[in-house]
């Protein structure tokens, strides 16, 4: 495993010591490779959900500067496939950030999704394949 695809939940849990999943996210985060990939949609959600945590913005900036978190995904190159995914999973419903991560899982098939979201057990990449996940036991 060279990298991991980071979803909103664990990133927020790492930043928020009051989060019920903080201990799990920190423990798992220490065992992961030194690089995580994510997307701007996830980063936007993380910023919004941690807006009341004073040090969160600075920690996120450090993650980006230090290369622990990279944003290699461009929506511009995948918008039609993202729309298709959100349409396919409209009954879940699938968020835009989740669609980006499912598409990223297709592009980086060896990278597991680091998530707290059980919907990733439902989503399929390439229409039929389950996604490799790092998540708490159900």
N, C-alpha and C. Protein backbone atom coordinates (compact mmCIF):
# COMPACT_ATOMS: atom_id res chain seq x y z
N UNK A 1 0.86 -1.17 0.00
CA UNK A 1 0.00 0.00 0.00
C UNK A 1 0.90 1.23 0.00
N UNK A 2 0.85 1.97 -1.10
CA UNK A 2 1.68 3.17 -1.24
C UNK A 2 0.96 4.43 -0.75
N UNK A 3 -0.34 4.44 -0.91
CA UNK A 3 -1.10 5.59 -0.46
C UNK A 3 -2.51 5.15 -0.08
N UNK A 4 -3.24 6.07 0.51
CA UNK A 4 -4.61 5.85 0.97
C UNK A 4 -5.46 7.00 0.44
N UNK A 5 -6.72 6.72 0.16
CA UNK A 5 -7.67 7.75 -0.26
C UNK A 5 -8.45 8.20 0.96
N UNK A 6 -8.29 9.45 1.34
CA UNK A 6 -8.88 9.95 2.59
C UNK A 6 -10.25 10.57 2.36
N UNK A 7 -11.21 10.09 3.14
CA UNK A 7 -12.56 10.64 3.16
C UNK A 7 -12.66 11.68 4.28
N UNK A 8 -13.74 12.39 4.30
CA UNK A 8 -13.96 13.47 5.26
C UNK A 8 -13.93 13.01 6.71
N UNK A 9 -14.66 11.94 7.03
CA UNK A 9 -14.85 11.52 8.41
C UNK A 9 -13.58 11.33 9.21
N UNK A 10 -12.63 10.53 8.74
CA UNK A 10 -11.42 10.32 9.53
C UNK A 10 -10.57 11.58 9.65
N UNK A 11 -10.56 12.42 8.62
CA UNK A 11 -9.79 13.66 8.71
C UNK A 11 -10.38 14.58 9.78
N UNK A 12 -11.70 14.68 9.81
CA UNK A 12 -12.36 15.48 10.84
C UNK A 12 -12.09 14.87 12.21
N UNK A 13 -12.18 13.55 12.31
CA UNK A 13 -11.96 12.88 13.60
C UNK A 13 -10.53 13.10 14.10
N UNK A 14 -9.56 13.12 13.21
CA UNK A 14 -8.18 13.40 13.62
C UNK A 14 -8.08 14.81 14.19
N UNK A 15 -8.76 15.75 13.57
CA UNK A 15 -8.68 17.15 13.99
C UNK A 15 -9.51 17.48 15.22
N UNK A 16 -10.57 16.72 15.45
CA UNK A 16 -11.52 17.02 16.53
C UNK A 16 -11.38 16.01 17.66
N UNK A 17 -10.75 16.41 18.73
CA UNK A 17 -10.52 15.51 19.87
C UNK A 17 -11.83 15.08 20.54
N UNK A 18 -12.90 15.80 20.29
CA UNK A 18 -14.20 15.45 20.88
C UNK A 18 -14.98 14.46 20.00
N UNK A 19 -14.50 14.21 18.80
CA UNK A 19 -15.17 13.30 17.88
C UNK A 19 -15.15 11.88 18.46
N UNK A 20 -16.25 11.17 18.35
CA UNK A 20 -16.33 9.81 18.90
C UNK A 20 -15.34 8.85 18.25
N UNK A 21 -14.88 9.15 17.04
CA UNK A 21 -13.94 8.29 16.33
C UNK A 21 -12.51 8.82 16.36
N UNK A 22 -12.25 9.83 17.20
CA UNK A 22 -10.92 10.44 17.24
C UNK A 22 -9.83 9.41 17.52
N UNK A 23 -9.97 8.61 18.56
CA UNK A 23 -8.91 7.65 18.93
C UNK A 23 -8.66 6.65 17.80
N UNK A 24 -9.72 6.14 17.21
CA UNK A 24 -9.57 5.19 16.09
C UNK A 24 -8.86 5.85 14.92
N UNK A 25 -9.29 7.04 14.53
CA UNK A 25 -8.70 7.73 13.37
C UNK A 25 -7.23 8.04 13.60
N UNK A 26 -6.88 8.50 14.78
CA UNK A 26 -5.47 8.80 15.08
C UNK A 26 -4.64 7.52 15.04
N UNK A 27 -5.15 6.47 15.69
CA UNK A 27 -4.42 5.20 15.71
C UNK A 27 -4.22 4.65 14.30
N UNK A 28 -5.28 4.64 13.50
CA UNK A 28 -5.17 4.14 12.12
C UNK A 28 -4.27 5.05 11.29
N UNK A 29 -4.42 6.36 11.49
CA UNK A 29 -3.60 7.32 10.75
C UNK A 29 -2.11 7.09 10.94
N UNK A 30 -1.72 6.68 12.12
CA UNK A 30 -0.30 6.42 12.41
C UNK A 30 0.20 5.17 11.71
N UNK A 31 -0.70 4.25 11.38
CA UNK A 31 -0.31 3.00 10.71
C UNK A 31 -0.32 3.11 9.18
N UNK A 32 -0.82 4.20 8.68
CA UNK A 32 -0.96 4.35 7.23
C UNK A 32 0.33 4.85 6.59
N UNK A 33 0.43 4.72 5.27
CA UNK A 33 1.60 5.25 4.56
C UNK A 33 1.72 6.76 4.80
N UNK A 34 2.89 7.31 4.54
CA UNK A 34 3.10 8.74 4.82
C UNK A 34 2.42 9.67 3.82
N UNK A 35 1.59 9.13 2.95
CA UNK A 35 0.92 9.96 1.95
C UNK A 35 -0.54 9.55 1.83
N UNK A 36 -1.42 10.56 1.82
CA UNK A 36 -2.83 10.34 1.57
C UNK A 36 -3.24 11.18 0.38
N UNK A 37 -4.07 10.60 -0.46
CA UNK A 37 -4.68 11.34 -1.55
C UNK A 37 -6.11 11.65 -1.15
N UNK A 38 -6.59 12.80 -1.60
CA UNK A 38 -7.99 13.13 -1.43
C UNK A 38 -8.38 14.08 -2.56
N UNK A 39 -9.47 14.79 -2.37
CA UNK A 39 -9.96 15.69 -3.41
C UNK A 39 -10.45 16.98 -2.76
N UNK A 40 -10.65 17.99 -3.57
CA UNK A 40 -11.07 19.28 -3.06
C UNK A 40 -12.46 19.22 -2.42
N UNK A 41 -13.32 18.33 -2.90
CA UNK A 41 -14.65 18.21 -2.29
C UNK A 41 -14.53 17.74 -0.83
N UNK A 42 -13.67 16.78 -0.58
CA UNK A 42 -13.43 16.31 0.79
C UNK A 42 -12.82 17.43 1.62
N UNK A 43 -11.84 18.11 1.06
CA UNK A 43 -11.18 19.20 1.79
C UNK A 43 -12.18 20.29 2.17
N UNK A 44 -13.11 20.59 1.28
CA UNK A 44 -14.15 21.59 1.57
C UNK A 44 -15.02 21.13 2.74
N UNK A 45 -15.42 19.85 2.74
CA UNK A 45 -16.23 19.33 3.84
C UNK A 45 -15.45 19.38 5.16
N UNK A 46 -14.18 19.01 5.13
CA UNK A 46 -13.36 19.02 6.34
C UNK A 46 -13.27 20.44 6.90
N UNK A 47 -13.00 21.41 6.03
CA UNK A 47 -12.93 22.80 6.50
C UNK A 47 -14.25 23.24 7.12
N UNK A 48 -15.35 22.90 6.49
CA UNK A 48 -16.66 23.30 7.01
C UNK A 48 -16.93 22.66 8.37
N UNK A 49 -16.68 21.37 8.49
CA UNK A 49 -17.00 20.64 9.71
C UNK A 49 -16.07 20.95 10.88
N UNK A 50 -14.90 21.52 10.58
CA UNK A 50 -13.96 21.87 11.65
C UNK A 50 -13.84 23.39 11.83
N UNK A 51 -14.79 24.13 11.31
CA UNK A 51 -14.73 25.59 11.34
C UNK A 51 -14.65 26.16 12.76
N UNK A 52 -15.13 25.41 13.76
CA UNK A 52 -15.11 25.90 15.14
C UNK A 52 -13.91 25.39 15.94
N UNK A 53 -12.99 24.71 15.27
CA UNK A 53 -11.77 24.22 15.93
C UNK A 53 -10.64 25.15 15.51
N UNK A 54 -10.17 25.99 16.42
CA UNK A 54 -9.21 27.05 16.06
C UNK A 54 -7.96 26.57 15.31
N UNK A 55 -7.38 25.47 15.71
CA UNK A 55 -6.12 25.04 15.08
C UNK A 55 -6.32 24.19 13.82
N UNK A 56 -7.56 23.87 13.46
CA UNK A 56 -7.82 22.97 12.33
C UNK A 56 -7.27 23.51 11.01
N UNK A 57 -7.53 24.77 10.70
CA UNK A 57 -7.06 25.33 9.43
C UNK A 57 -5.54 25.22 9.29
N UNK A 58 -4.82 25.52 10.37
CA UNK A 58 -3.36 25.44 10.32
C UNK A 58 -2.88 24.00 10.16
N UNK A 59 -3.54 23.06 10.82
CA UNK A 59 -3.14 21.65 10.68
C UNK A 59 -3.40 21.16 9.26
N UNK A 60 -4.53 21.53 8.69
CA UNK A 60 -4.83 21.13 7.31
C UNK A 60 -3.78 21.71 6.37
N UNK A 61 -3.44 22.97 6.57
CA UNK A 61 -2.40 23.60 5.73
C UNK A 61 -1.08 22.85 5.87
N UNK A 62 -0.71 22.46 7.09
CA UNK A 62 0.53 21.70 7.28
C UNK A 62 0.47 20.36 6.57
N UNK A 63 -0.68 19.69 6.61
CA UNK A 63 -0.82 18.42 5.90
C UNK A 63 -0.52 18.60 4.42
N UNK A 64 -1.03 19.69 3.85
CA UNK A 64 -0.82 19.95 2.42
C UNK A 64 0.64 20.34 2.13
N UNK A 65 1.19 21.23 2.93
CA UNK A 65 2.57 21.68 2.72
C UNK A 65 3.56 20.54 2.89
N UNK A 66 3.33 19.71 3.92
CA UNK A 66 4.24 18.59 4.20
C UNK A 66 4.05 17.41 3.25
N UNK A 67 3.00 17.43 2.44
CA UNK A 67 2.77 16.35 1.49
C UNK A 67 2.08 15.13 2.09
N UNK A 68 1.64 15.22 3.34
CA UNK A 68 0.91 14.11 3.95
C UNK A 68 -0.44 13.94 3.25
N UNK A 69 -1.00 15.06 2.81
CA UNK A 69 -2.27 15.06 2.08
C UNK A 69 -2.05 15.72 0.73
N UNK A 70 -2.35 14.98 -0.33
CA UNK A 70 -2.23 15.51 -1.69
C UNK A 70 -3.60 15.48 -2.36
N UNK A 71 -3.80 16.41 -3.28
CA UNK A 71 -5.08 16.53 -4.00
C UNK A 71 -4.83 16.35 -5.50
N UNK A 72 -4.58 15.11 -5.95
CA UNK A 72 -4.20 14.90 -7.35
C UNK A 72 -5.38 14.76 -8.32
N UNK A 73 -6.60 14.85 -7.82
CA UNK A 73 -7.79 14.58 -8.62
C UNK A 73 -8.39 15.87 -9.14
N UNK A 74 -8.70 15.88 -10.44
CA UNK A 74 -9.33 17.05 -11.06
C UNK A 74 -10.74 16.70 -11.52
N UNK A 75 -11.72 17.35 -10.95
CA UNK A 75 -13.12 17.13 -11.33
C UNK A 75 -13.32 17.38 -12.82
N UNK A 76 -12.64 18.38 -13.33
CA UNK A 76 -12.77 18.74 -14.74
C UNK A 76 -12.57 17.53 -15.66
N UNK A 77 -11.68 16.64 -15.27
CA UNK A 77 -11.36 15.49 -16.11
C UNK A 77 -12.33 14.32 -15.94
N UNK A 78 -13.23 14.39 -14.95
CA UNK A 78 -14.06 13.23 -14.62
C UNK A 78 -15.53 13.57 -14.37
N UNK A 79 -15.96 14.79 -14.69
CA UNK A 79 -17.30 15.23 -14.31
C UNK A 79 -18.42 14.34 -14.82
N UNK A 80 -18.30 13.81 -16.03
CA UNK A 80 -19.36 12.95 -16.56
C UNK A 80 -19.47 11.65 -15.77
N UNK A 81 -18.32 11.07 -15.42
CA UNK A 81 -18.33 9.83 -14.63
C UNK A 81 -18.84 10.08 -13.21
N UNK A 82 -18.54 11.25 -12.65
CA UNK A 82 -19.05 11.59 -11.32
C UNK A 82 -20.57 11.71 -11.36
N UNK A 83 -21.08 12.36 -12.39
CA UNK A 83 -22.53 12.49 -12.56
C UNK A 83 -23.17 11.10 -12.68
N UNK A 84 -22.55 10.23 -13.45
CA UNK A 84 -23.06 8.87 -13.63
C UNK A 84 -23.10 8.12 -12.29
N UNK A 85 -22.04 8.24 -11.51
CA UNK A 85 -22.01 7.59 -10.20
C UNK A 85 -23.11 8.12 -9.27
N UNK A 86 -23.25 9.44 -9.21
CA UNK A 86 -24.27 10.03 -8.33
C UNK A 86 -25.68 9.64 -8.78
N UNK A 87 -25.88 9.48 -10.08
CA UNK A 87 -27.17 9.03 -10.60
C UNK A 87 -27.41 7.57 -10.22
N UNK A 88 -26.41 6.73 -10.38
CA UNK A 88 -26.52 5.31 -10.06
C UNK A 88 -26.85 5.10 -8.58
N UNK A 89 -26.25 5.92 -7.71
CA UNK A 89 -26.43 5.75 -6.27
C UNK A 89 -27.34 6.83 -5.67
N UNK A 90 -28.27 7.34 -6.45
CA UNK A 90 -29.18 8.39 -5.98
C UNK A 90 -30.01 7.93 -4.79
N UNK A 91 -30.30 6.65 -4.70
CA UNK A 91 -31.11 6.15 -3.58
C UNK A 91 -30.33 6.08 -2.27
N UNK A 92 -29.00 6.19 -2.32
CA UNK A 92 -28.21 6.08 -1.08
C UNK A 92 -28.38 7.32 -0.22
N UNK A 93 -28.29 8.54 -0.61
CA UNK A 93 -27.74 9.11 -1.84
C UNK A 93 -26.23 9.29 -1.72
N UNK A 94 -25.57 9.39 -2.87
CA UNK A 94 -24.13 9.58 -2.93
C UNK A 94 -23.80 11.06 -2.97
N UNK A 95 -22.91 11.49 -2.10
CA UNK A 95 -22.47 12.89 -2.13
C UNK A 95 -21.45 13.08 -3.24
N UNK A 96 -21.22 14.32 -3.58
CA UNK A 96 -20.22 14.65 -4.61
C UNK A 96 -18.84 14.18 -4.16
N UNK A 97 -18.50 14.39 -2.89
CA UNK A 97 -17.20 13.96 -2.38
C UNK A 97 -17.06 12.44 -2.47
N UNK A 98 -18.12 11.71 -2.13
CA UNK A 98 -18.08 10.25 -2.23
C UNK A 98 -17.88 9.81 -3.67
N UNK A 99 -18.55 10.46 -4.60
CA UNK A 99 -18.38 10.12 -6.02
C UNK A 99 -16.93 10.33 -6.44
N UNK A 100 -16.34 11.42 -5.99
CA UNK A 100 -14.93 11.68 -6.31
C UNK A 100 -14.05 10.57 -5.77
N UNK A 101 -14.30 10.12 -4.55
CA UNK A 101 -13.47 9.07 -3.97
C UNK A 101 -13.67 7.72 -4.66
N UNK A 102 -14.89 7.41 -5.06
CA UNK A 102 -15.11 6.17 -5.80
C UNK A 102 -14.35 6.23 -7.13
N UNK A 103 -14.43 7.36 -7.81
CA UNK A 103 -13.69 7.51 -9.07
C UNK A 103 -12.18 7.42 -8.82
N UNK A 104 -11.70 8.04 -7.75
CA UNK A 104 -10.28 7.96 -7.42
C UNK A 104 -9.89 6.50 -7.14
N UNK A 105 -10.78 5.73 -6.54
CA UNK A 105 -10.50 4.32 -6.29
C UNK A 105 -10.36 3.54 -7.60
N UNK A 106 -11.05 3.98 -8.62
CA UNK A 106 -10.88 3.36 -9.94
C UNK A 106 -9.52 3.72 -10.53
N UNK A 107 -9.07 4.93 -10.27
CA UNK A 107 -7.78 5.39 -10.81
C UNK A 107 -6.59 4.87 -10.03
N UNK A 108 -6.76 4.70 -8.72
CA UNK A 108 -5.70 4.18 -7.84
C UNK A 108 -6.26 2.92 -7.15
N UNK A 109 -6.36 1.81 -7.91
CA UNK A 109 -7.05 0.61 -7.39
C UNK A 109 -6.39 -0.05 -6.18
N UNK A 110 -5.12 0.20 -5.95
CA UNK A 110 -4.44 -0.40 -4.79
C UNK A 110 -4.59 0.43 -3.53
N UNK A 111 -5.17 1.62 -3.65
CA UNK A 111 -5.30 2.53 -2.50
C UNK A 111 -6.64 2.30 -1.80
N UNK A 112 -6.62 1.88 -0.55
CA UNK A 112 -7.89 1.74 0.18
C UNK A 112 -8.46 3.10 0.56
N UNK A 113 -9.76 3.14 0.75
CA UNK A 113 -10.45 4.36 1.18
C UNK A 113 -10.48 4.36 2.72
N UNK A 114 -9.91 5.41 3.30
CA UNK A 114 -9.89 5.62 4.75
C UNK A 114 -11.16 6.39 5.08
N UNK A 115 -12.14 5.71 5.69
CA UNK A 115 -13.47 6.31 5.83
C UNK A 115 -14.17 5.85 7.10
N UNK A 116 -15.15 6.61 7.51
CA UNK A 116 -16.08 6.22 8.57
C UNK A 116 -17.46 5.95 7.99
N UNK A 117 -17.62 6.17 6.71
CA UNK A 117 -18.91 6.15 6.03
C UNK A 117 -19.26 4.74 5.55
N UNK A 118 -20.29 4.15 6.12
CA UNK A 118 -20.68 2.79 5.75
C UNK A 118 -21.21 2.70 4.31
N UNK A 119 -21.56 3.83 3.70
CA UNK A 119 -22.02 3.80 2.31
C UNK A 119 -20.94 3.25 1.38
N UNK A 120 -19.69 3.35 1.76
CA UNK A 120 -18.63 2.82 0.91
C UNK A 120 -18.67 1.29 0.82
N UNK A 121 -19.42 0.65 1.71
CA UNK A 121 -19.62 -0.81 1.61
C UNK A 121 -20.63 -1.13 0.50
N UNK A 122 -21.45 -0.14 0.15
CA UNK A 122 -22.46 -0.29 -0.90
C UNK A 122 -21.90 0.08 -2.27
N UNK A 123 -21.12 1.15 -2.32
CA UNK A 123 -20.59 1.64 -3.59
C UNK A 123 -19.72 0.59 -4.27
N UNK A 124 -19.70 0.65 -5.59
CA UNK A 124 -18.86 -0.24 -6.39
C UNK A 124 -18.06 0.60 -7.38
N UNK A 125 -16.81 0.25 -7.52
CA UNK A 125 -16.00 0.89 -8.56
C UNK A 125 -16.07 0.00 -9.80
N UNK A 126 -15.93 0.63 -10.94
CA UNK A 126 -16.04 -0.09 -12.22
C UNK A 126 -17.33 -0.92 -12.27
N UNK A 127 -18.37 -0.42 -11.64
CA UNK A 127 -19.74 -0.95 -11.61
C UNK A 127 -19.92 -2.23 -10.79
N UNK A 128 -18.87 -3.02 -10.56
CA UNK A 128 -19.06 -4.30 -9.88
C UNK A 128 -18.10 -4.59 -8.73
N UNK A 129 -17.01 -3.87 -8.65
CA UNK A 129 -15.97 -4.21 -7.68
C UNK A 129 -16.15 -3.44 -6.36
N UNK A 130 -16.07 -4.18 -5.26
CA UNK A 130 -16.10 -3.49 -3.97
C UNK A 130 -14.80 -2.72 -3.80
N UNK A 131 -14.85 -1.72 -2.98
CA UNK A 131 -13.68 -0.87 -2.74
C UNK A 131 -12.91 -1.39 -1.53
N UNK A 132 -11.58 -1.39 -1.59
CA UNK A 132 -10.82 -1.73 -0.38
C UNK A 132 -10.99 -0.59 0.62
N UNK A 133 -11.27 -0.93 1.88
CA UNK A 133 -11.58 0.07 2.88
C UNK A 133 -10.71 -0.08 4.13
N UNK A 134 -10.45 1.04 4.75
CA UNK A 134 -9.95 1.09 6.11
C UNK A 134 -11.02 1.83 6.88
N UNK A 135 -11.77 1.08 7.68
CA UNK A 135 -12.89 1.67 8.41
C UNK A 135 -13.15 0.85 9.67
N UNK A 136 -13.82 1.46 10.64
CA UNK A 136 -14.13 0.70 11.85
C UNK A 136 -15.02 -0.50 11.54
N UNK A 137 -14.91 -1.52 12.34
CA UNK A 137 -15.77 -2.69 12.16
C UNK A 137 -17.23 -2.28 12.30
N UNK A 138 -18.11 -2.90 11.51
CA UNK A 138 -19.54 -2.54 11.58
C UNK A 138 -20.16 -2.91 12.91
